[in-house]
Protein backbone atom coordinates (compact mmCIF):
# COMPACT_ATOMS: atom_id res chain seq x y z
CA MET A 1 16.57 -28.93 71.06
CA LYS A 2 16.39 -25.42 69.40
CA ILE A 3 16.19 -25.36 65.66
CA LEU A 4 16.82 -22.27 63.49
CA ILE A 5 15.28 -22.38 60.05
CA LEU A 6 16.05 -19.45 57.53
CA GLY A 7 13.55 -19.35 54.72
CA VAL A 8 10.87 -20.88 57.04
CA ASN A 9 7.97 -19.89 55.02
CA GLY A 10 9.25 -21.86 51.93
CA PHE A 11 8.02 -25.18 50.65
CA ILE A 12 10.51 -27.21 52.83
CA GLY A 13 10.77 -24.79 55.79
CA SER A 14 6.93 -24.62 56.18
CA ASN A 15 6.51 -28.27 56.03
CA LEU A 16 9.36 -29.02 58.37
CA THR A 17 8.18 -26.57 60.97
CA THR A 18 4.70 -28.32 60.99
CA ALA A 19 6.35 -31.75 61.44
CA ILE A 20 8.55 -30.39 64.28
CA LEU A 21 5.81 -28.74 66.23
CA ARG A 22 3.51 -31.89 65.61
CA ASP A 23 5.86 -34.60 66.42
CA THR A 24 8.68 -33.45 68.84
CA ASP A 25 9.21 -30.89 71.72
CA TRP A 26 11.80 -29.11 69.74
CA GLU A 27 11.62 -25.11 69.55
CA VAL A 28 11.74 -23.48 66.09
CA TYR A 29 13.06 -19.93 65.51
CA GLY A 30 12.29 -18.89 61.88
CA MET A 31 12.86 -16.00 59.66
CA ASP A 32 11.29 -15.39 56.27
CA MET A 33 9.77 -12.31 54.27
CA GLY A 34 6.40 -13.80 54.76
CA SER A 35 4.22 -16.27 56.82
CA ASP A 36 1.29 -17.20 54.65
CA LYS A 37 2.37 -20.91 54.22
CA LEU A 38 2.84 -21.39 57.91
CA GLY A 39 -0.69 -21.33 58.92
CA SER A 40 -1.51 -21.85 62.67
CA ALA A 41 2.26 -22.50 63.29
CA VAL A 42 2.66 -18.78 63.79
CA GLU A 43 0.57 -18.94 67.07
CA HIS A 44 2.24 -22.00 68.44
CA LYS A 45 4.10 -21.45 71.83
CA ARG A 46 7.23 -23.30 70.50
CA PHE A 47 7.53 -21.31 67.35
CA HIS A 48 9.13 -17.88 67.30
CA PHE A 49 8.94 -15.85 63.93
CA LEU A 50 10.48 -12.81 62.47
CA GLU A 51 9.62 -11.24 59.29
CA GLY A 52 12.96 -10.39 57.96
CA ASP A 53 15.58 -10.79 55.22
CA ILE A 54 18.84 -12.61 55.58
CA THR A 55 20.55 -9.74 53.62
CA ILE A 56 19.25 -7.18 56.19
CA ASN A 57 18.63 -8.72 59.51
CA ARG A 58 22.01 -10.08 60.21
CA GLU A 59 22.20 -9.28 63.96
CA TRP A 60 19.16 -11.35 64.66
CA ILE A 61 20.56 -14.33 62.52
CA SER A 62 23.84 -14.13 64.38
CA TYR A 63 22.16 -13.95 67.73
CA HIS A 64 19.91 -17.18 67.05
CA ILE A 65 22.79 -19.01 65.40
CA LYS A 66 24.71 -18.56 68.67
CA LYS A 67 21.34 -19.46 70.70
CA CYS A 68 20.42 -22.57 68.60
CA ASP A 69 21.70 -26.14 68.39
CA VAL A 70 21.04 -26.53 64.68
CA CYS A 71 20.73 -24.15 61.82
CA LEU A 72 19.00 -24.83 58.44
CA PRO A 73 19.81 -22.14 55.97
CA LEU A 74 16.97 -22.91 53.24
CA VAL A 75 17.09 -19.51 51.55
CA ALA A 76 17.98 -19.73 47.81
CA ILE A 77 16.85 -19.00 44.32
CA ALA A 78 15.99 -22.46 42.72
CA THR A 79 14.05 -21.66 39.49
CA PRO A 80 15.98 -22.30 36.17
CA ALA A 81 14.79 -19.30 34.35
CA THR A 82 16.41 -17.13 36.90
CA TYR A 83 19.79 -18.98 36.47
CA VAL A 84 19.88 -17.68 32.91
CA SER A 85 18.25 -14.33 33.24
CA ASP A 86 19.98 -13.16 36.54
CA PRO A 87 23.02 -15.43 37.41
CA LEU A 88 24.71 -12.82 39.63
CA ARG A 89 21.63 -12.37 41.83
CA VAL A 90 21.64 -16.22 42.10
CA PHE A 91 25.34 -16.48 43.06
CA ASN A 92 24.98 -13.55 45.46
CA LEU A 93 22.05 -14.94 47.39
CA ASP A 94 22.84 -18.68 47.02
CA PHE A 95 26.46 -18.66 47.85
CA GLU A 96 27.61 -15.27 49.17
CA GLU A 97 24.75 -15.01 51.79
CA ASN A 98 24.66 -18.42 52.66
CA ILE A 99 28.46 -18.81 53.23
CA THR A 100 28.49 -16.03 55.83
CA ILE A 101 25.66 -18.04 57.71
CA VAL A 102 27.91 -21.06 57.58
CA ARG A 103 30.84 -19.40 58.99
CA GLN A 104 28.82 -18.06 61.80
CA CYS A 105 27.67 -21.63 62.43
CA ALA A 106 31.30 -22.62 62.69
CA LYS A 107 32.16 -19.73 64.95
CA TYR A 108 29.39 -20.45 67.56
CA ASP A 109 29.74 -24.42 67.28
CA THR A 110 26.19 -24.75 65.79
CA ARG A 111 25.48 -27.64 63.64
CA VAL A 112 24.53 -26.84 60.07
CA ILE A 113 22.13 -28.93 58.00
CA PHE A 114 22.75 -27.60 54.50
CA PRO A 115 20.30 -28.01 51.46
CA SER A 116 22.56 -28.97 48.67
CA THR A 117 20.63 -29.90 45.40
CA SER A 118 20.23 -32.68 42.95
CA GLU A 119 21.59 -30.29 40.27
CA VAL A 120 25.22 -30.51 41.62
CA TYR A 121 25.38 -33.86 39.75
CA GLY A 122 24.80 -32.02 36.44
CA MET A 123 25.15 -34.15 33.35
CA SER A 124 26.96 -37.05 35.24
CA PRO A 125 26.98 -40.13 33.10
CA ASP A 126 26.06 -42.41 36.03
CA GLU A 127 22.68 -44.25 35.78
CA SER A 128 22.00 -43.21 39.46
CA PHE A 129 23.86 -40.53 41.31
CA ASP A 130 25.83 -41.51 44.25
CA PRO A 131 27.04 -38.94 46.59
CA GLU A 132 30.18 -40.69 47.21
CA THR A 133 31.23 -41.70 43.78
CA SER A 134 29.47 -39.85 41.01
CA PRO A 135 31.35 -37.23 39.02
CA LEU A 136 29.71 -33.83 38.98
CA VAL A 137 29.60 -32.74 35.27
CA TYR A 138 28.78 -29.18 34.02
CA GLY A 139 28.71 -27.50 30.64
CA PRO A 140 30.82 -24.74 29.31
CA ILE A 141 30.91 -21.18 31.06
CA HIS A 142 28.61 -19.41 28.58
CA LYS A 143 25.83 -21.87 29.61
CA GLU A 144 25.03 -19.77 32.62
CA ARG A 145 22.27 -22.19 33.83
CA TRP A 146 25.01 -23.93 35.65
CA ILE A 147 25.72 -21.13 38.24
CA TYR A 148 23.21 -22.40 40.59
CA ALA A 149 24.67 -25.96 40.69
CA CYS A 150 28.25 -24.52 40.83
CA ALA A 151 27.26 -22.15 43.85
CA LYS A 152 25.83 -25.10 45.63
CA GLN A 153 28.56 -27.44 44.92
CA LEU A 154 31.17 -24.91 46.12
CA LEU A 155 29.25 -24.57 49.31
CA ASP A 156 29.18 -28.18 49.66
CA ARG A 157 32.95 -28.37 49.23
CA VAL A 158 33.56 -25.54 51.67
CA ILE A 159 31.31 -27.04 54.27
CA TYR A 160 32.91 -30.48 53.94
CA ALA A 161 36.36 -28.88 54.21
CA MET A 162 35.24 -26.89 57.35
CA GLY A 163 34.03 -30.04 58.75
CA LYS A 164 37.23 -32.08 58.28
CA HIS A 165 39.80 -29.46 59.08
CA GLU A 166 37.99 -27.10 61.48
CA GLY A 167 35.50 -29.16 63.26
CA LEU A 168 32.30 -27.86 61.80
CA ALA A 169 29.28 -30.02 62.75
CA PHE A 170 27.41 -30.67 59.54
CA THR A 171 25.12 -32.66 57.18
CA LEU A 172 24.33 -32.04 53.53
CA PHE A 173 21.03 -33.11 51.87
CA ARG A 174 20.17 -33.13 48.39
CA PRO A 175 16.50 -33.16 47.53
CA PHE A 176 15.33 -34.84 44.30
CA ASN A 177 12.33 -32.77 42.82
CA TRP A 178 10.20 -32.60 45.97
CA VAL A 179 6.50 -31.86 45.09
CA GLY A 180 3.33 -31.58 46.91
CA PRO A 181 0.65 -28.97 48.17
CA GLY A 182 2.13 -25.47 48.51
CA LEU A 183 5.22 -25.98 46.43
CA ASP A 184 4.80 -22.84 44.34
CA SER A 185 1.89 -20.39 43.45
CA ILE A 186 0.18 -21.57 40.35
CA HIS A 187 -1.35 -18.04 39.88
CA ALA A 188 1.77 -16.47 38.31
CA GLU A 189 1.16 -16.80 34.62
CA LYS A 190 4.70 -15.86 33.64
CA GLU A 191 6.61 -18.95 32.32
CA GLY A 192 9.52 -19.94 34.53
CA SER A 193 8.15 -18.42 37.67
CA SER A 194 7.81 -21.73 39.34
CA ARG A 195 9.00 -25.33 39.20
CA VAL A 196 7.84 -27.68 36.72
CA ALA A 197 5.00 -29.43 38.41
CA THR A 198 3.30 -26.24 39.58
CA ALA A 199 4.04 -24.37 36.30
CA PHE A 200 2.19 -27.14 34.50
CA LEU A 201 -0.63 -27.13 36.89
CA GLY A 202 -1.08 -23.49 36.51
CA GLN A 203 -1.25 -23.79 32.81
CA ILE A 204 -3.60 -26.73 33.05
CA LEU A 205 -6.10 -25.13 35.17
CA ARG A 206 -6.11 -21.91 33.14
CA GLY A 207 -6.59 -24.14 30.06
CA GLU A 208 -3.42 -23.01 28.49
CA ALA A 209 -0.65 -24.51 26.22
CA ILE A 210 2.07 -26.34 28.06
CA SER A 211 5.57 -25.71 26.76
CA LEU A 212 7.70 -29.03 26.67
CA VAL A 213 11.14 -28.05 26.40
CA ASP A 214 12.97 -30.18 23.93
CA GLY A 215 9.91 -32.30 23.75
CA GLY A 216 9.86 -33.15 27.54
CA ALA A 217 12.08 -35.94 27.15
CA GLN A 218 14.12 -35.06 30.22
CA ARG A 219 13.64 -37.49 33.30
CA ARG A 220 13.09 -36.69 36.70
CA CYS A 221 12.35 -38.65 40.04
CA PHE A 222 9.67 -36.81 41.92
CA THR A 223 9.52 -37.05 45.80
CA TYR A 224 6.35 -36.23 47.79
CA ILE A 225 7.14 -33.75 50.38
CA SER A 226 6.14 -35.96 53.61
CA ASP A 227 8.86 -38.55 52.50
CA GLY A 228 11.38 -35.85 52.11
CA ILE A 229 10.49 -34.23 55.54
CA ASP A 230 10.56 -37.62 57.16
CA ALA A 231 14.30 -38.07 56.13
CA LEU A 232 14.98 -34.47 57.10
CA MET A 233 13.56 -35.09 60.60
CA ARG A 234 15.92 -38.16 61.11
CA ILE A 235 18.91 -36.17 60.00
CA ILE A 236 17.94 -33.38 62.45
CA ALA A 237 17.52 -35.89 65.15
CA ASN A 238 20.86 -37.54 64.39
CA GLN A 239 20.46 -40.48 66.62
CA ASP A 240 23.88 -41.83 67.61
CA GLY A 241 25.38 -39.28 65.35
CA VAL A 242 24.36 -41.26 62.10
CA ALA A 243 24.15 -38.03 60.02
CA ASP A 244 27.38 -36.55 61.01
CA GLY A 245 29.60 -35.26 58.07
CA LYS A 246 27.51 -36.98 55.56
CA ILE A 247 25.72 -36.27 52.31
CA PHE A 248 22.32 -37.73 51.69
CA ASN A 249 20.33 -37.96 48.63
CA ILE A 250 16.71 -37.56 49.61
CA GLY A 251 14.63 -38.84 46.52
CA SER A 252 12.41 -41.45 45.19
CA PRO A 253 14.02 -43.38 42.52
CA GLU A 254 10.86 -45.49 41.65
CA ASN A 255 8.90 -42.13 40.84
CA ASP A 256 10.83 -41.68 37.58
CA LEU A 257 8.95 -39.84 34.86
CA SER A 258 9.84 -37.81 31.84
CA VAL A 259 8.66 -34.29 31.88
CA ARG A 260 6.17 -35.17 29.00
CA GLU A 261 4.86 -37.96 31.15
CA LEU A 262 4.30 -35.69 34.06
CA ALA A 263 2.36 -33.24 32.00
CA GLU A 264 0.20 -36.05 30.67
CA LYS A 265 -0.55 -37.44 34.04
CA LEU A 266 -1.35 -33.95 35.63
CA ILE A 267 -3.92 -33.45 32.83
CA ALA A 268 -5.61 -36.70 33.16
CA ILE A 269 -5.81 -36.26 36.96
CA ALA A 270 -7.05 -32.70 36.74
CA ALA A 271 -9.69 -33.70 34.14
CA THR A 272 -11.44 -35.89 36.75
CA TYR A 273 -12.43 -32.83 38.68
CA PRO A 274 -15.85 -31.57 37.41
CA GLU A 275 -15.37 -27.99 38.58
CA VAL A 276 -12.37 -27.49 36.25
CA SER A 277 -12.64 -30.18 33.65
CA GLU A 278 -13.88 -28.05 30.90
CA ARG A 279 -10.97 -25.65 31.09
CA VAL A 280 -8.48 -28.63 31.42
CA ARG A 281 -9.67 -29.97 28.16
CA LYS A 282 -8.38 -26.87 26.64
CA ALA A 283 -4.71 -27.56 27.86
CA THR A 284 -2.46 -28.52 25.04
CA LEU A 285 1.09 -29.82 24.83
CA ILE A 286 3.37 -27.81 22.36
CA GLU A 287 7.09 -28.55 21.98
CA VAL A 288 9.71 -25.64 22.14
CA SER A 289 13.44 -25.73 22.00
CA ALA A 290 15.46 -24.93 25.30
CA GLY A 291 17.12 -21.84 23.37
CA ASP A 292 13.64 -20.41 22.64
CA PHE A 293 12.18 -21.06 26.15
CA TYR A 294 15.21 -20.13 28.22
CA GLY A 295 17.68 -18.40 26.06
CA SER A 296 21.05 -19.41 24.86
CA GLY A 297 22.47 -19.70 28.25
CA TYR A 298 20.48 -22.88 29.26
CA GLN A 299 21.57 -26.47 29.23
CA ASP A 300 19.88 -29.36 30.68
CA MET A 301 20.61 -32.87 32.02
CA VAL A 302 18.62 -35.83 30.46
CA LYS A 303 18.05 -37.79 33.84
CA ARG A 304 18.28 -37.24 37.40
CA LYS A 305 17.82 -40.29 39.48
CA PRO A 306 19.28 -40.81 43.14
CA SER A 307 20.96 -43.67 44.69
CA ILE A 308 19.46 -43.63 48.08
CA VAL A 309 21.45 -46.61 49.36
CA SER A 310 23.48 -44.55 52.11
CA THR A 311 20.38 -42.76 52.97
CA SER A 312 18.48 -46.00 53.69
CA ARG A 313 21.23 -47.66 55.40
CA ASP A 314 22.24 -44.84 57.73
CA LEU A 315 18.80 -43.06 58.37
CA GLY A 316 16.73 -46.24 58.06
CA TRP A 317 14.67 -44.30 55.57
CA GLN A 318 12.51 -45.22 52.40
CA PRO A 319 10.11 -43.19 50.34
CA ARG A 320 6.54 -44.51 50.77
CA ILE A 321 4.48 -42.24 48.50
CA GLY A 322 4.26 -43.62 44.92
CA THR A 323 3.74 -41.67 41.82
CA ASP A 324 -0.04 -41.92 41.52
CA GLU A 325 -0.73 -40.97 45.09
CA MET A 326 1.90 -38.16 45.02
CA LEU A 327 0.39 -36.61 41.78
CA SER A 328 -3.27 -37.22 43.04
CA ARG A 329 -2.67 -35.37 46.23
CA THR A 330 -0.83 -32.56 44.67
CA VAL A 331 -3.28 -31.86 41.89
CA GLY A 332 -6.43 -32.27 44.43
CA TYR A 333 -4.69 -29.58 46.48
CA TYR A 334 -4.18 -27.26 43.79
CA VAL A 335 -7.52 -27.76 42.06
CA ARG A 336 -9.38 -26.85 45.36
CA GLU A 337 -7.09 -23.77 45.91
CA PHE A 338 -7.72 -22.67 42.29
CA HIS A 339 -11.42 -23.22 42.39
CA SER A 340 -11.85 -21.38 45.70
CA ARG A 341 -9.85 -18.41 44.40
CA GLU A 342 -12.06 -18.27 41.31
CA ARG A 343 -15.26 -18.31 43.62
CA SER A 344 -13.84 -15.66 45.74
CA VAL A 345 -13.21 -13.33 42.64
CA TYR A 346 -16.73 -14.32 41.18
CA ASP A 347 -18.39 -13.30 44.43
CA HIS A 348 -16.38 -10.21 44.73
CA HIS A 349 -17.63 -9.13 41.37
CA LEU A 350 -21.08 -9.93 42.16
CA ARG A 351 -20.91 -7.77 45.34
CA GLN A 352 -19.40 -4.82 43.26
CA ALA A 353 -21.99 -5.08 40.67
CA ALA A 354 -24.87 -5.36 43.24
CA SER A 355 -23.47 -2.25 45.12
CA ALA A 356 -23.32 -0.23 41.87
CA SER A 357 -26.81 -1.10 40.66
CA PRO A 358 -29.61 1.49 40.90
CA THR A 359 -31.60 -0.85 43.17
CA SER A 360 -28.83 -0.86 45.59
CA ALA A 361 -28.37 2.77 45.50
CA ARG A 362 -32.17 3.46 46.57
């Protein structure tokens, strides 16, 4: 099987590529604007990479959609701060560029596995969100935060209609707060530049204040990346057509934390590492309003819990990694990365100082 992954260097794309090359004989064709997360995969004989942009390298994409059996268009802007600050950019990339790709999949009879989002459920009143029955509830138009969810929902509806009326082979999957090593960079200090777990970890490891929007009462169900990839591999394999024309929530209902609880757990785990514990002790929690943090265009949902009944039934899948193990693995990775980078910067400064000293000059 030949798999086309657009956005292959992202969190999902890079982990999926690793799993495919490790566990199957499938070939992977990938495009992204960088390859830093792909590691040794770039040298693998079954991996074919192009450094490119989906808004520019359209001929390459069209050729490979025609060539491949499955296409996963994973390119999207998925940071809430951007939904508010640059909503048109979010719509242009997340909807308009992706609908072009989906239409080409239909043209060439290529199966599309599309990343929807848990955000499509919006402020649904259901206790847990079911892809078949839960209403999708958004705020008023001036709450620009919802443009991401709307763009994704509209793509879901178009893909579903193309499947029903035009024969497009498809599966939609909705990740619920996937986390783990390599999620985002923790070295960007600008608030809102990454997703909540890595944004908090960056602030913790720098000994900064953590801003809890509206007190951090919002609840999320966090899913470890290996569990998410396991479900996604089953969707791609599609044994006996079990994933055809379906929508799957991929999340861990048991890993249900408030944002405040997440911050507190991350601090507690990071503090156990001696190399960063002194700085971690300086991290504090402060409460800010959503308006002050994101601006007036922001609105949030108080809970986001998936129903995974159909995912378990059809794919034979269950999440295996619990909250403590998930956070411990994630924190450990970022502590090591952060400490290694600090040591590299320190050693670089030492070398510069030594080369500039009078003793070195003689």
